[in-house]
Amino acid sequence: MITTKTHGVIDYLTGALLIAAPYLFGFANGGTAQILPQLIGAAIILMSLITRYELSVAKLIPLKVHLGTDIAAGILLAASPWLFGFAELIWWPHLLVGLMEIVVASITRGTEDANIPS
């Protein structure tokens, strides 16, 4: 189990990695293989900024909603190379980060909002 604070750190790092990955791993071609992880990365960062946990700036979204969205985004990201037909170009970063998103959300301790000051 990981804490919500650790989850928040992982969120911000994962979001940044997904935005940079197409350039780091050579699939920045303007197609779905590039755009989808970048959109998911930006969404992860934005959602992290407004989730009710320690590392957000506006405590608007319940932690349960955040974790459910992480799992859904992880499934989409992991399946995307085959779902959108770009597996011959690149598949491993999408699959690995997608599975990591699912695991991290599944093992985050607490389904209630993090114990944060109002």
PDB file of N, CA and C in Angstrom:
ATOM      1  N   MET A   1       0.835  -1.189   0.000  1.00  0.00           N
ATOM      2  CA  MET A   1       0.000   0.000   0.000  1.00  0.00           C
ATOM      3  C   MET A   1       0.880   1.254   0.000  1.00  0.00           C
ATOM      4  N   ILE A   2       0.437   2.254  -0.735  1.00  0.00           N
ATOM      5  CA  ILE A   2       1.157   3.526  -0.738  1.00  0.00           C
ATOM      6  C   ILE A   2       0.231   4.612  -0.193  1.00  0.00           C
ATOM      7  N   THR A   3       0.833   5.657   0.342  1.00  0.00           N
ATOM      8  CA  THR A   3       0.061   6.755   0.911  1.00  0.00           C
ATOM      9  C   THR A   3      -0.436   7.674  -0.191  1.00  0.00           C
ATOM     10  N   THR A   4      -1.398   8.510   0.149  1.00  0.00           N
ATOM     11  CA  THR A   4      -1.903   9.469  -0.827  1.00  0.00           C
ATOM     12  C   THR A   4      -0.833  10.489  -1.195  1.00  0.00           C
ATOM     13  N   LYS A   5       0.037  10.809  -0.257  1.00  0.00           N
ATOM     14  CA  LYS A   5       1.124  11.744  -0.560  1.00  0.00           C
ATOM     15  C   LYS A   5       2.077  11.135  -1.594  1.00  0.00           C
ATOM     16  N   THR A   6       2.433   9.872  -1.407  1.00  0.00           N
ATOM     17  CA  THR A   6       3.287   9.177  -2.381  1.00  0.00           C
ATOM     18  C   THR A   6       2.561   9.075  -3.720  1.00  0.00           C
ATOM     19  N   HIS A   7       1.274   8.788  -3.681  1.00  0.00           N
ATOM     20  CA  HIS A   7       0.475   8.721  -4.902  1.00  0.00           C
ATOM     21  C   HIS A   7       0.549  10.052  -5.655  1.00  0.00           C
ATOM     22  N   GLY A   8       0.451  11.153  -4.913  1.00  0.00           N
ATOM     23  CA  GLY A   8       0.532  12.473  -5.534  1.00  0.00           C
ATOM     24  C   GLY A   8       1.862  12.703  -6.231  1.00  0.00           C
ATOM     25  N   VAL A   9       2.946  12.319  -5.590  1.00  0.00           N
ATOM     26  CA  VAL A   9       4.276  12.459  -6.212  1.00  0.00           C
ATOM     27  C   VAL A   9       4.334  11.638  -7.498  1.00  0.00           C
ATOM     28  N   ILE A  10       3.844  10.406  -7.419  1.00  0.00           N
ATOM     29  CA  ILE A  10       3.834   9.534  -8.602  1.00  0.00           C
ATOM     30  C   ILE A  10       2.975  10.149  -9.705  1.00  0.00           C
ATOM     31  N   ASP A  11       1.842  10.736  -9.347  1.00  0.00           N
ATOM     32  CA  ASP A  11       0.970  11.385 -10.332  1.00  0.00           C
ATOM     33  C   ASP A  11       1.720  12.464 -11.115  1.00  0.00           C
ATOM     34  N   TYR A  12       2.357  13.368 -10.404  1.00  0.00           N
ATOM     35  CA  TYR A  12       3.041  14.472 -11.079  1.00  0.00           C
ATOM     36  C   TYR A  12       4.188  13.968 -11.949  1.00  0.00           C
ATOM     37  N   LEU A  13       4.945  12.996 -11.448  1.00  0.00           N
ATOM     38  CA  LEU A  13       6.040  12.435 -12.243  1.00  0.00           C
ATOM     39  C   LEU A  13       5.525  11.695 -13.471  1.00  0.00           C
ATOM     40  N   THR A  14       4.456  10.923 -13.296  1.00  0.00           N
ATOM     41  CA  THR A  14       3.875  10.175 -14.420  1.00  0.00           C
ATOM     42  C   THR A  14       3.311  11.129 -15.464  1.00  0.00           C
ATOM     43  N   GLY A  15       2.625  12.164 -15.025  1.00  0.00           N
ATOM     44  CA  GLY A  15       2.095  13.147 -15.957  1.00  0.00           C
ATOM     45  C   GLY A  15       3.193  13.784 -16.794  1.00  0.00           C
ATOM     46  N   ALA A  16       4.271  14.192 -16.138  1.00  0.00           N
ATOM     47  CA  ALA A  16       5.401  14.791 -16.861  1.00  0.00           C
ATOM     48  C   ALA A  16       6.038  13.786 -17.816  1.00  0.00           C
ATOM     49  N   LEU A  17       6.188  12.545 -17.361  1.00  0.00           N
ATOM     50  CA  LEU A  17       6.773  11.505 -18.217  1.00  0.00           C
ATOM     51  C   LEU A  17       5.912  11.270 -19.451  1.00  0.00           C
ATOM     52  N   LEU A  18       4.601  11.199 -19.286  1.00  0.00           N
ATOM     53  CA  LEU A  18       3.724  10.959 -20.430  1.00  0.00           C
ATOM     54  C   LEU A  18       3.762  12.118 -21.432  1.00  0.00           C
ATOM     55  N   ILE A  19       3.919  13.324 -20.954  1.00  0.00           N
ATOM     56  CA  ILE A  19       4.025  14.470 -21.855  1.00  0.00           C
ATOM     57  C   ILE A  19       5.341  14.436 -22.623  1.00  0.00           C
ATOM     58  N   ALA A  20       6.415  14.038 -21.962  1.00  0.00           N
ATOM     59  CA  ALA A  20       7.749  14.025 -22.584  1.00  0.00           C
ATOM     60  C   ALA A  20       8.061  12.739 -23.351  1.00  0.00           C
ATOM     61  N   ALA A  21       7.387  11.641 -23.047  1.00  0.00           N
ATOM     62  CA  ALA A  21       7.723  10.325 -23.609  1.00  0.00           C
ATOM     63  C   ALA A  21       7.842  10.288 -25.124  1.00  0.00           C
ATOM     64  N   PRO A  22       6.929  10.908 -25.870  1.00  0.00           N
ATOM     65  CA  PRO A  22       7.076  10.828 -27.332  1.00  0.00           C
ATOM     66  C   PRO A  22       8.406  11.386 -27.838  1.00  0.00           C
ATOM     67  N   TYR A  23       8.916  12.403 -27.164  1.00  0.00           N
ATOM     68  CA  TYR A  23      10.195  12.996 -27.560  1.00  0.00           C
ATOM     69  C   TYR A  23      11.369  12.162 -27.041  1.00  0.00           C
ATOM     70  N   LEU A  24      11.215  11.627 -25.844  1.00  0.00           N
ATOM     71  CA  LEU A  24      12.278  10.806 -25.251  1.00  0.00           C
ATOM     72  C   LEU A  24      12.470   9.483 -25.980  1.00  0.00           C
ATOM     73  N   PHE A  25      11.366   8.892 -26.459  1.00  0.00           N
ATOM     74  CA  PHE A  25      11.426   7.552 -27.034  1.00  0.00           C
ATOM     75  C   PHE A  25      11.176   7.517 -28.541  1.00  0.00           C
ATOM     76  N   GLY A  26      11.151   8.679 -29.182  1.00  0.00           N
ATOM     77  CA  GLY A  26      11.133   8.751 -30.628  1.00  0.00           C
ATOM     78  C   GLY A  26       9.822   8.434 -31.329  1.00  0.00           C
ATOM     79  N   PHE A  27       8.692   8.758 -30.717  1.00  0.00           N
ATOM     80  CA  PHE A  27       7.428   8.561 -31.433  1.00  0.00           C
ATOM     81  C   PHE A  27       6.595   9.847 -31.475  1.00  0.00           C
ATOM     82  N   ALA A  28       7.289  10.979 -31.534  1.00  0.00           N
ATOM     83  CA  ALA A  28       6.631  12.285 -31.644  1.00  0.00           C
ATOM     84  C   ALA A  28       6.354  12.575 -33.115  1.00  0.00           C
ATOM     85  N   ASN A  29       5.309  11.926 -33.643  1.00  0.00           N
ATOM     86  CA  ASN A  29       4.978  12.065 -35.061  1.00  0.00           C
ATOM     87  C   ASN A  29       3.651  12.785 -35.292  1.00  0.00           C
ATOM     88  N   GLY A  30       3.057  13.301 -34.229  1.00  0.00           N
ATOM     89  CA  GLY A  30       1.790  14.018 -34.344  1.00  0.00           C
ATOM     90  C   GLY A  30       0.561  13.129 -34.400  1.00  0.00           C
ATOM     91  N   GLY A  31       0.763  11.813 -34.328  1.00  0.00           N
ATOM     92  CA  GLY A  31      -0.362  10.882 -34.389  1.00  0.00           C
ATOM     93  C   GLY A  31      -0.887  10.518 -33.014  1.00  0.00           C
ATOM     94  N   THR A  32      -1.785   9.563 -33.009  1.00  0.00           N
ATOM     95  CA  THR A  32      -2.413   9.117 -31.768  1.00  0.00           C
ATOM     96  C   THR A  32      -1.390   8.581 -30.767  1.00  0.00           C
ATOM     97  N   ALA A  33      -0.353   7.911 -31.256  1.00  0.00           N
ATOM     98  CA  ALA A  33       0.686   7.374 -30.366  1.00  0.00           C
ATOM     99  C   ALA A  33       1.324   8.474 -29.539  1.00  0.00           C
ATOM    100  N   GLN A  34       1.418   9.666 -30.093  1.00  0.00           N
ATOM    101  CA  GLN A  34       1.983  10.810 -29.381  1.00  0.00           C
ATOM    102  C   GLN A  34       0.928  11.556 -28.578  1.00  0.00           C
ATOM    103  N   ILE A  35      -0.176  11.869 -29.221  1.00  0.00           N
ATOM    104  CA  ILE A  35      -1.177  12.754 -28.619  1.00  0.00           C
ATOM    105  C   ILE A  35      -1.861  12.135 -27.402  1.00  0.00           C
ATOM    106  N   LEU A  36      -2.213  10.851 -27.478  1.00  0.00           N
ATOM    107  CA  LEU A  36      -2.938  10.224 -26.375  1.00  0.00           C
ATOM    108  C   LEU A  36      -2.159  10.253 -25.058  1.00  0.00           C
ATOM    109  N   PRO A  37      -0.897   9.803 -25.008  1.00  0.00           N
ATOM    110  CA  PRO A  37      -0.194   9.883 -23.730  1.00  0.00           C
ATOM    111  C   PRO A  37      -0.001  11.321 -23.246  1.00  0.00           C
ATOM    112  N   GLN A  38       0.169  12.246 -24.178  1.00  0.00           N
ATOM    113  CA  GLN A  38       0.325  13.634 -23.755  1.00  0.00           C
ATOM    114  C   GLN A  38      -0.967  14.186 -23.156  1.00  0.00           C
ATOM    115  N   LEU A  39      -2.100  13.843 -23.743  1.00  0.00           N
ATOM    116  CA  LEU A  39      -3.379  14.272 -23.173  1.00  0.00           C
ATOM    117  C   LEU A  39      -3.619  13.631 -21.805  1.00  0.00           C
ATOM    118  N   ILE A  40      -3.329  12.346 -21.706  1.00  0.00           N
ATOM    119  CA  ILE A  40      -3.503  11.661 -20.418  1.00  0.00           C
ATOM    120  C   ILE A  40      -2.550  12.244 -19.383  1.00  0.00           C
ATOM    121  N   GLY A  41      -1.313  12.525 -19.787  1.00  0.00           N
ATOM    122  CA  GLY A  41      -0.345  13.135 -18.866  1.00  0.00           C
ATOM    123  C   GLY A  41      -0.820  14.485 -18.353  1.00  0.00           C
ATOM    124  N   ALA A  42      -1.327  15.318 -19.262  1.00  0.00           N
ATOM    125  CA  ALA A  42      -1.843  16.625 -18.847  1.00  0.00           C
ATOM    126  C   ALA A  42      -3.053  16.462 -17.928  1.00  0.00           C
ATOM    127  N   ALA A  43      -3.923  15.507 -18.244  1.00  0.00           N
ATOM    128  CA  ALA A  43      -5.100  15.258 -17.409  1.00  0.00           C
ATOM    129  C   ALA A  43      -4.705  14.779 -16.015  1.00  0.00           C
ATOM    130  N   ILE A  44      -3.685  13.924 -15.948  1.00  0.00           N
ATOM    131  CA  ILE A  44      -3.204  13.442 -14.642  1.00  0.00           C
ATOM    132  C   ILE A  44      -2.735  14.621 -13.798  1.00  0.00           C
ATOM    133  N   ILE A  45      -1.959  15.505 -14.396  1.00  0.00           N
ATOM    134  CA  ILE A  45      -1.452  16.666 -13.651  1.00  0.00           C
ATOM    135  C   ILE A  45      -2.612  17.569 -13.227  1.00  0.00           C
ATOM    136  N   LEU A  46      -3.509  17.870 -14.147  1.00  0.00           N
ATOM    137  CA  LEU A  46      -4.644  18.738 -13.802  1.00  0.00           C
ATOM    138  C   LEU A  46      -5.514  18.130 -12.712  1.00  0.00           C
ATOM    139  N   MET A  47      -5.791  16.846 -12.825  1.00  0.00           N
ATOM    140  CA  MET A  47      -6.617  16.199 -11.815  1.00  0.00           C
ATOM    141  C   MET A  47      -5.897  16.167 -10.463  1.00  0.00           C
ATOM    142  N   SER A  48      -4.590  15.971 -10.498  1.00  0.00           N
ATOM    143  CA  SER A  48      -3.816  15.972  -9.256  1.00  0.00           C
ATOM    144  C   SER A  48      -3.873  17.327  -8.567  1.00  0.00           C
ATOM    145  N   LEU A  49      -3.935  18.371  -9.358  1.00  0.00           N
ATOM    146  CA  LEU A  49      -4.007  19.720  -8.790  1.00  0.00           C
ATOM    147  C   LEU A  49      -5.334  20.006  -8.094  1.00  0.00           C
ATOM    148  N   ILE A  50      -6.382  19.222  -8.417  1.00  0.00           N
ATOM    149  CA  ILE A  50      -7.698  19.508  -7.833  1.00  0.00           C
ATOM    150  C   ILE A  50      -8.301  18.330  -7.058  1.00  0.00           C
ATOM    151  N   THR A  51      -7.472  17.350  -6.714  1.00  0.00           N
ATOM    152  CA  THR A  51      -7.943  16.208  -5.921  1.00  0.00           C
ATOM    153  C   THR A  51      -7.810  16.515  -4.436  1.00  0.00           C
ATOM    154  N   ARG A  52      -8.679  15.970  -3.650  1.00  0.00           N
ATOM    155  CA  ARG A  52      -8.618  16.150  -2.188  1.00  0.00           C
ATOM    156  C   ARG A  52      -7.525  15.253  -1.605  1.00  0.00           C
ATOM    157  N   TYR A  53      -6.284  15.700  -1.790  1.00  0.00           N
ATOM    158  CA  TYR A  53      -5.146  15.057  -1.123  1.00  0.00           C
ATOM    159  C   TYR A  53      -4.041  16.076  -0.913  1.00  0.00           C
ATOM    160  N   GLU A  54      -3.001  15.649  -0.253  1.00  0.00           N
ATOM    161  CA  GLU A  54      -1.981  16.564   0.260  1.00  0.00           C
ATOM    162  C   GLU A  54      -1.299  17.433  -0.799  1.00  0.00           C
ATOM    163  N   LEU A  55      -1.110  16.947  -1.989  1.00  0.00           N
ATOM    164  CA  LEU A  55      -0.296  17.661  -2.968  1.00  0.00           C
ATOM    165  C   LEU A  55      -1.099  18.422  -4.012  1.00  0.00           C
ATOM    166  N   SER A  56      -2.339  18.753  -3.697  1.00  0.00           N
ATOM    167  CA  SER A  56      -3.153  19.523  -4.640  1.00  0.00           C
ATOM    168  C   SER A  56      -3.242  20.983  -4.197  1.00  0.00           C
ATOM    169  N   VAL A  57      -3.708  21.805  -5.111  1.00  0.00           N
ATOM    170  CA  VAL A  57      -3.881  23.217  -4.773  1.00  0.00           C
ATOM    171  C   VAL A  57      -5.343  23.563  -4.515  1.00  0.00           C
ATOM    172  N   ALA A  58      -6.256  22.806  -5.074  1.00  0.00           N
ATOM    173  CA  ALA A  58      -7.691  23.018  -4.863  1.00  0.00           C
ATOM    174  C   ALA A  58      -8.318  21.657  -4.589  1.00  0.00           C
ATOM    175  N   LYS A  59      -8.859  21.480  -3.444  1.00  0.00           N
ATOM    176  CA  LYS A  59      -9.397  20.188  -2.999  1.00  0.00           C
ATOM    177  C   LYS A  59     -10.835  20.009  -3.482  1.00  0.00           C
ATOM    178  N   LEU A  60     -11.007  19.724  -4.776  1.00  0.00           N
ATOM    179  CA  LEU A  60     -12.343  19.665  -5.361  1.00  0.00           C
ATOM    180  C   LEU A  60     -12.829  18.249  -5.649  1.00  0.00           C
ATOM    181  N   ILE A  61     -11.961  17.383  -6.130  1.00  0.00           N
ATOM    182  CA  ILE A  61     -12.365  16.044  -6.571  1.00  0.00           C
ATOM    183  C   ILE A  61     -12.115  15.032  -5.455  1.00  0.00           C
ATOM    184  N   PRO A  62     -13.108  14.211  -5.127  1.00  0.00           N
ATOM    185  CA  PRO A  62     -12.891  13.168  -4.120  1.00  0.00           C
ATOM    186  C   PRO A  62     -11.809  12.177  -4.564  1.00  0.00           C
ATOM    187  N   LEU A  63     -11.094  11.638  -3.615  1.00  0.00           N
ATOM    188  CA  LEU A  63     -10.026  10.687  -3.901  1.00  0.00           C
ATOM    189  C   LEU A  63     -10.543   9.468  -4.656  1.00  0.00           C
ATOM    190  N   LYS A  64     -11.736   8.974  -4.299  1.00  0.00           N
ATOM    191  CA  LYS A  64     -12.305   7.814  -5.009  1.00  0.00           C
ATOM    192  C   LYS A  64     -12.464   8.089  -6.502  1.00  0.00           C
ATOM    193  N   VAL A  65     -12.916   9.274  -6.836  1.00  0.00           N
ATOM    194  CA  VAL A  65     -13.086   9.649  -8.242  1.00  0.00           C
ATOM    195  C   VAL A  65     -11.727   9.688  -8.931  1.00  0.00           C
ATOM    196  N   HIS A  66     -10.753  10.280  -8.267  1.00  0.00           N
ATOM    197  CA  HIS A  66      -9.392  10.355  -8.809  1.00  0.00           C
ATOM    198  C   HIS A  66      -8.847   8.952  -9.091  1.00  0.00           C
ATOM    199  N   LEU A  67      -8.960   8.059  -8.123  1.00  0.00           N
ATOM    200  CA  LEU A  67      -8.417   6.704  -8.289  1.00  0.00           C
ATOM    201  C   LEU A  67      -9.150   5.937  -9.390  1.00  0.00           C
ATOM    202  N   GLY A  68     -10.460   6.098  -9.467  1.00  0.00           N
ATOM    203  CA  GLY A  68     -11.217   5.450 -10.538  1.00  0.00           C
ATOM    204  C   GLY A  68     -10.808   5.963 -11.913  1.00  0.00           C
ATOM    205  N   THR A  69     -10.581   7.257 -11.999  1.00  0.00           N
ATOM    206  CA  THR A  69     -10.138   7.848 -13.260  1.00  0.00           C
ATOM    207  C   THR A  69      -8.737   7.365 -13.622  1.00  0.00           C
ATOM    208  N   ASP A  70      -7.863   7.240 -12.621  1.00  0.00           N
ATOM    209  CA  ASP A  70      -6.522   6.689 -12.872  1.00  0.00           C
ATOM    210  C   ASP A  70      -6.605   5.289 -13.473  1.00  0.00           C
ATOM    211  N   ILE A  71      -7.466   4.464 -12.921  1.00  0.00           N
ATOM    212  CA  ILE A  71      -7.612   3.089 -13.430  1.00  0.00           C
ATOM    213  C   ILE A  71      -8.152   3.103 -14.862  1.00  0.00           C
ATOM    214  N   ALA A  72      -9.161   3.916 -15.120  1.00  0.00           N
ATOM    215  CA  ALA A  72      -9.724   4.001 -16.474  1.00  0.00           C
ATOM    216  C   ALA A  72      -8.684   4.514 -17.475  1.00  0.00           C
ATOM    217  N   ALA A  73      -7.935   5.538 -17.088  1.00  0.00           N
ATOM    218  CA  ALA A  73      -6.897   6.079 -17.974  1.00  0.00           C
ATOM    219  C   ALA A  73      -5.789   5.052 -18.204  1.00  0.00           C
ATOM    220  N   GLY A  74      -5.456   4.293 -17.160  1.00  0.00           N
ATOM    221  CA  GLY A  74      -4.448   3.245 -17.299  1.00  0.00           C
ATOM    222  C   GLY A  74      -4.878   2.163 -18.273  1.00  0.00           C
ATOM    223  N   ILE A  75      -6.137   1.768 -18.194  1.00  0.00           N
ATOM    224  CA  ILE A  75      -6.667   0.759 -19.120  1.00  0.00           C
ATOM    225  C   ILE A  75      -6.625   1.284 -20.551  1.00  0.00           C
ATOM    226  N   LEU A  76      -7.084   2.519 -20.749  1.00  0.00           N
ATOM    227  CA  LEU A  76      -7.064   3.115 -22.081  1.00  0.00           C
ATOM    228  C   LEU A  76      -5.636   3.215 -22.615  1.00  0.00           C
ATOM    229  N   LEU A  77      -4.724   3.702 -21.796  1.00  0.00           N
ATOM    230  CA  LEU A  77      -3.333   3.853 -22.232  1.00  0.00           C
ATOM    231  C   LEU A  77      -2.703   2.508 -22.569  1.00  0.00           C
ATOM    232  N   ALA A  78      -2.921   1.508 -21.714  1.00  0.00           N
ATOM    233  CA  ALA A  78      -2.337   0.181 -21.939  1.00  0.00           C
ATOM    234  C   ALA A  78      -2.878  -0.469 -23.211  1.00  0.00           C
ATOM    235  N   ALA A  79      -4.142  -0.269 -23.502  1.00  0.00           N
ATOM    236  CA  ALA A  79      -4.771  -0.887 -24.678  1.00  0.00           C
ATOM    237  C   ALA A  79      -4.604  -0.064 -25.944  1.00  0.00           C
ATOM    238  N   SER A  80      -4.218   1.186 -25.818  1.00  0.00           N
ATOM    239  CA  SER A  80      -4.236   2.113 -26.948  1.00  0.00           C
ATOM    240  C   SER A  80      -3.406   1.694 -28.164  1.00  0.00           C
ATOM    241  N   PRO A  81      -2.236   1.068 -28.028  1.00  0.00           N
ATOM    242  CA  PRO A  81      -1.502   0.699 -29.246  1.00  0.00           C
ATOM    243  C   PRO A  81      -2.289  -0.246 -30.156  1.00  0.00           C
ATOM    244  N   TRP A  82      -3.066  -1.132 -29.567  1.00  0.00           N
ATOM    245  CA  TRP A  82      -3.852  -2.093 -30.340  1.00  0.00           C
ATOM    246  C   TRP A  82      -5.232  -1.522 -30.673  1.00  0.00           C
ATOM    247  N   LEU A  83      -5.781  -0.772 -29.751  1.00  0.00           N
ATOM    248  CA  LEU A  83      -7.087  -0.161 -29.949  1.00  0.00           C
ATOM    249  C   LEU A  83      -7.065   0.847 -31.106  1.00  0.00           C
ATOM    250  N   PHE A  84      -5.979   1.619 -31.184  1.00  0.00           N
ATOM    251  CA  PHE A  84      -5.879   2.669 -32.200  1.00  0.00           C
ATOM    252  C   PHE A  84      -4.926   2.315 -33.342  1.00  0.00           C
ATOM    253  N   GLY A  85      -4.378   1.106 -33.330  1.00  0.00           N
ATOM    254  CA  GLY A  85      -3.625   0.596 -34.458  1.00  0.00           C
ATOM    255  C   GLY A  85      -2.216   1.133 -34.660  1.00  0.00           C
ATOM    256  N   PHE A  86      -1.542   1.518 -33.582  1.00  0.00           N
ATOM    257  CA  PHE A  86      -0.174   1.974 -33.756  1.00  0.00           C
ATOM    258  C   PHE A  86       0.860   1.065 -33.072  1.00  0.00           C
ATOM    259  N   ALA A  87       0.463  -0.157 -32.755  1.00  0.00           N
ATOM    260  CA  ALA A  87       1.365  -1.090 -32.061  1.00  0.00           C
ATOM    261  C   ALA A  87       2.623  -1.411 -32.866  1.00  0.00           C
ATOM    262  N   GLU A  88       2.537  -1.351 -34.180  1.00  0.00           N
ATOM    263  CA  GLU A  88       3.730  -1.613 -34.985  1.00  0.00           C
ATOM    264  C   GLU A  88       4.747  -0.482 -34.872  1.00  0.00           C
ATOM    265  N   LEU A  89       4.290   0.717 -34.539  1.00  0.00           N
ATOM    266  CA  LEU A  89       5.178   1.856 -34.346  1.00  0.00           C
ATOM    267  C   LEU A  89       5.797   1.826 -32.949  1.00  0.00           C
ATOM    268  N   ILE A  90       4.958   1.746 -31.936  1.00  0.00           N
ATOM    269  CA  ILE A  90       5.413   1.779 -30.528  1.00  0.00           C
ATOM    270  C   ILE A  90       4.282   1.229 -29.659  1.00  0.00           C
ATOM    271  N   TRP A  91       4.629   0.457 -28.659  1.00  0.00           N
ATOM    272  CA  TRP A  91       3.597  -0.060 -27.763  1.00  0.00           C
ATOM    273  C   TRP A  91       4.054  -0.125 -26.318  1.00  0.00           C
ATOM    274  N   TRP A  92       5.341  -0.381 -26.075  1.00  0.00           N
ATOM    275  CA  TRP A  92       5.794  -0.682 -24.717  1.00  0.00           C
ATOM    276  C   TRP A  92       5.636   0.465 -23.718  1.00  0.00           C
ATOM    277  N   PRO A  93       5.882   1.748 -24.071  1.00  0.00           N
ATOM    278  CA  PRO A  93       5.679   2.778 -23.034  1.00  0.00           C
ATOM    279  C   PRO A  93       4.209   2.915 -22.643  1.00  0.00           C
ATOM    280  N   HIS A  94       3.331   2.796 -23.618  1.00  0.00           N
ATOM    281  CA  HIS A  94       1.900   2.910 -23.356  1.00  0.00           C
ATOM    282  C   HIS A  94       1.440   1.774 -22.436  1.00  0.00           C
ATOM    283  N   LEU A  95       1.859   0.558 -22.763  1.00  0.00           N
ATOM    284  CA  LEU A  95       1.474  -0.598 -21.963  1.00  0.00           C
ATOM    285  C   LEU A  95       2.048  -0.513 -20.553  1.00  0.00           C
ATOM    286  N   LEU A  96       3.341  -0.229 -20.437  1.00  0.00           N
ATOM    287  CA  LEU A  96       3.979  -0.206 -19.113  1.00  0.00           C
ATOM    288  C   LEU A  96       3.426   0.892 -18.217  1.00  0.00           C
ATOM    289  N   VAL A  97       3.301   2.095 -18.752  1.00  0.00           N
ATOM    290  CA  VAL A  97       2.795   3.191 -17.914  1.00  0.00           C
ATOM    291  C   VAL A  97       1.307   2.983 -17.612  1.00  0.00           C
ATOM    292  N   GLY A  98       0.565   2.457 -18.562  1.00  0.00           N
ATOM    293  CA  GLY A  98      -0.845   2.156 -18.310  1.00  0.00           C
ATOM    294  C   GLY A  98      -1.021   1.149 -17.186  1.00  0.00           C
ATOM    295  N   LEU A  99      -0.238   0.077 -17.230  1.00  0.00           N
ATOM    296  CA  LEU A  99      -0.309  -0.927 -16.158  1.00  0.00           C
ATOM    297  C   LEU A  99       0.137  -0.347 -14.822  1.00  0.00           C
ATOM    298  N   MET A 100       1.171   0.507 -14.853  1.00  0.00           N
ATOM    299  CA  MET A 100       1.635   1.149 -13.622  1.00  0.00           C
ATOM    300  C   MET A 100       0.532   2.026 -13.025  1.00  0.00           C
ATOM    301  N   GLU A 101      -0.182   2.761 -13.868  1.00  0.00           N
ATOM    302  CA  GLU A 101      -1.289   3.595 -13.387  1.00  0.00           C
ATOM    303  C   GLU A 101      -2.344   2.751 -12.676  1.00  0.00           C
ATOM    304  N   ILE A 102      -2.667   1.607 -13.258  1.00  0.00           N
ATOM    305  CA  ILE A 102      -3.664   0.715 -12.673  1.00  0.00           C
ATOM    306  C   ILE A 102      -3.191   0.202 -11.316  1.00  0.00           C
ATOM    307  N   VAL A 103      -1.954  -0.257 -11.254  1.00  0.00           N
ATOM    308  CA  VAL A 103      -1.408  -0.814 -10.009  1.00  0.00           C
ATOM    309  C   VAL A 103      -1.326   0.253  -8.927  1.00  0.00           C
ATOM    310  N   VAL A 104      -0.779   1.425  -9.270  1.00  0.00           N
ATOM    311  CA  VAL A 104      -0.629   2.487  -8.260  1.00  0.00           C
ATOM    312  C   VAL A 104      -1.995   2.904  -7.706  1.00  0.00           C
ATOM    313  N   ALA A 105      -2.981   3.068  -8.569  1.00  0.00           N
ATOM    314  CA  ALA A 105      -4.320   3.440  -8.087  1.00  0.00           C
ATOM    315  C   ALA A 105      -4.914   2.337  -7.215  1.00  0.00           C
ATOM    316  N   SER A 106      -4.644   1.097  -7.578  1.00  0.00           N
ATOM    317  CA  SER A 106      -5.207  -0.042  -6.842  1.00  0.00           C
ATOM    318  C   SER A 106      -4.585  -0.228  -5.467  1.00  0.00           C
ATOM    319  N   ILE A 107      -3.347   0.194  -5.298  1.00  0.00           N
ATOM    320  CA  ILE A 107      -2.678  -0.029  -4.012  1.00  0.00           C
ATOM    321  C   ILE A 107      -2.539   1.239  -3.174  1.00  0.00           C
ATOM    322  N   THR A 108      -3.172   2.322  -3.602  1.00  0.00           N
ATOM    323  CA  THR A 108      -3.142   3.544  -2.802  1.00  0.00           C
ATOM    324  C   THR A 108      -4.023   3.347  -1.581  1.00  0.00           C
ATOM    325  N   ARG A 109      -3.450   3.613  -0.423  1.00  0.00           N
ATOM    326  CA  ARG A 109      -4.150   3.410   0.840  1.00  0.00           C
ATOM    327  C   ARG A 109      -5.240   4.452   1.020  1.00  0.00           C
ATOM    328  N   GLY A 110      -6.398   3.989   1.397  1.00  0.00           N
ATOM    329  CA  GLY A 110      -7.497   4.886   1.733  1.00  0.00           C
ATOM    330  C   GLY A 110      -8.394   5.164   0.555  1.00  0.00           C
ATOM    331  N   THR A 111      -9.654   4.947   0.745  1.00  0.00           N
ATOM    332  CA  THR A 111     -10.621   5.281  -0.287  1.00  0.00           C
ATOM    333  C   THR A 111     -11.349   6.564   0.074  1.00  0.00           C
ATOM    334  N   GLU A 112     -11.141   7.032   1.277  1.00  0.00           N
ATOM    335  CA  GLU A 112     -11.721   8.307   1.679  1.00  0.00           C
ATOM    336  C   GLU A 112     -10.727   9.407   1.306  1.00  0.00           C
ATOM    337  N   ASP A 113     -11.191  10.637   1.325  1.00  0.00           N
ATOM    338  CA  ASP A 113     -10.299  11.744   1.023  1.00  0.00           C
ATOM    339  C   ASP A 113      -9.148  11.762   2.019  1.00  0.00           C
ATOM    340  N   ALA A 114      -8.001  12.144   1.527  1.00  0.00           N
ATOM    341  CA  ALA A 114      -6.810  12.198   2.374  1.00  0.00           C
ATOM    342  C   ALA A 114      -7.054  13.123   3.562  1.00  0.00           C
ATOM    343  N   ASN A 115      -6.378  12.848   4.643  1.00  0.00           N
ATOM    344  CA  ASN A 115      -6.493  13.667   5.844  1.00  0.00           C
ATOM    345  C   ASN A 115      -5.712  14.952   5.615  1.00  0.00           C
ATOM    346  N   ILE A 116      -6.397  15.964   5.139  1.00  0.00           N
ATOM    347  CA  ILE A 116      -5.752  17.228   4.803  1.00  0.00           C
ATOM    348  C   ILE A 116      -6.417  18.359   5.560  1.00  0.00           C
ATOM    349  N   PRO A 117      -5.651  19.409   5.837  1.00  0.00           N
ATOM    350  CA  PRO A 117      -6.271  20.570   6.471  1.00  0.00           C
ATOM    351  C   PRO A 117      -7.193  21.284   5.496  1.00  0.00           C
ATOM    352  N   SER A 118      -8.251  21.871   5.992  1.00  0.00           N
ATOM    353  CA  SER A 118      -9.192  22.593   5.129  1.00  0.00           C
ATOM    354  C   SER A 118      -8.640  23.908   4.669  1.00  0.00           C
TER     355      SER A 118
END
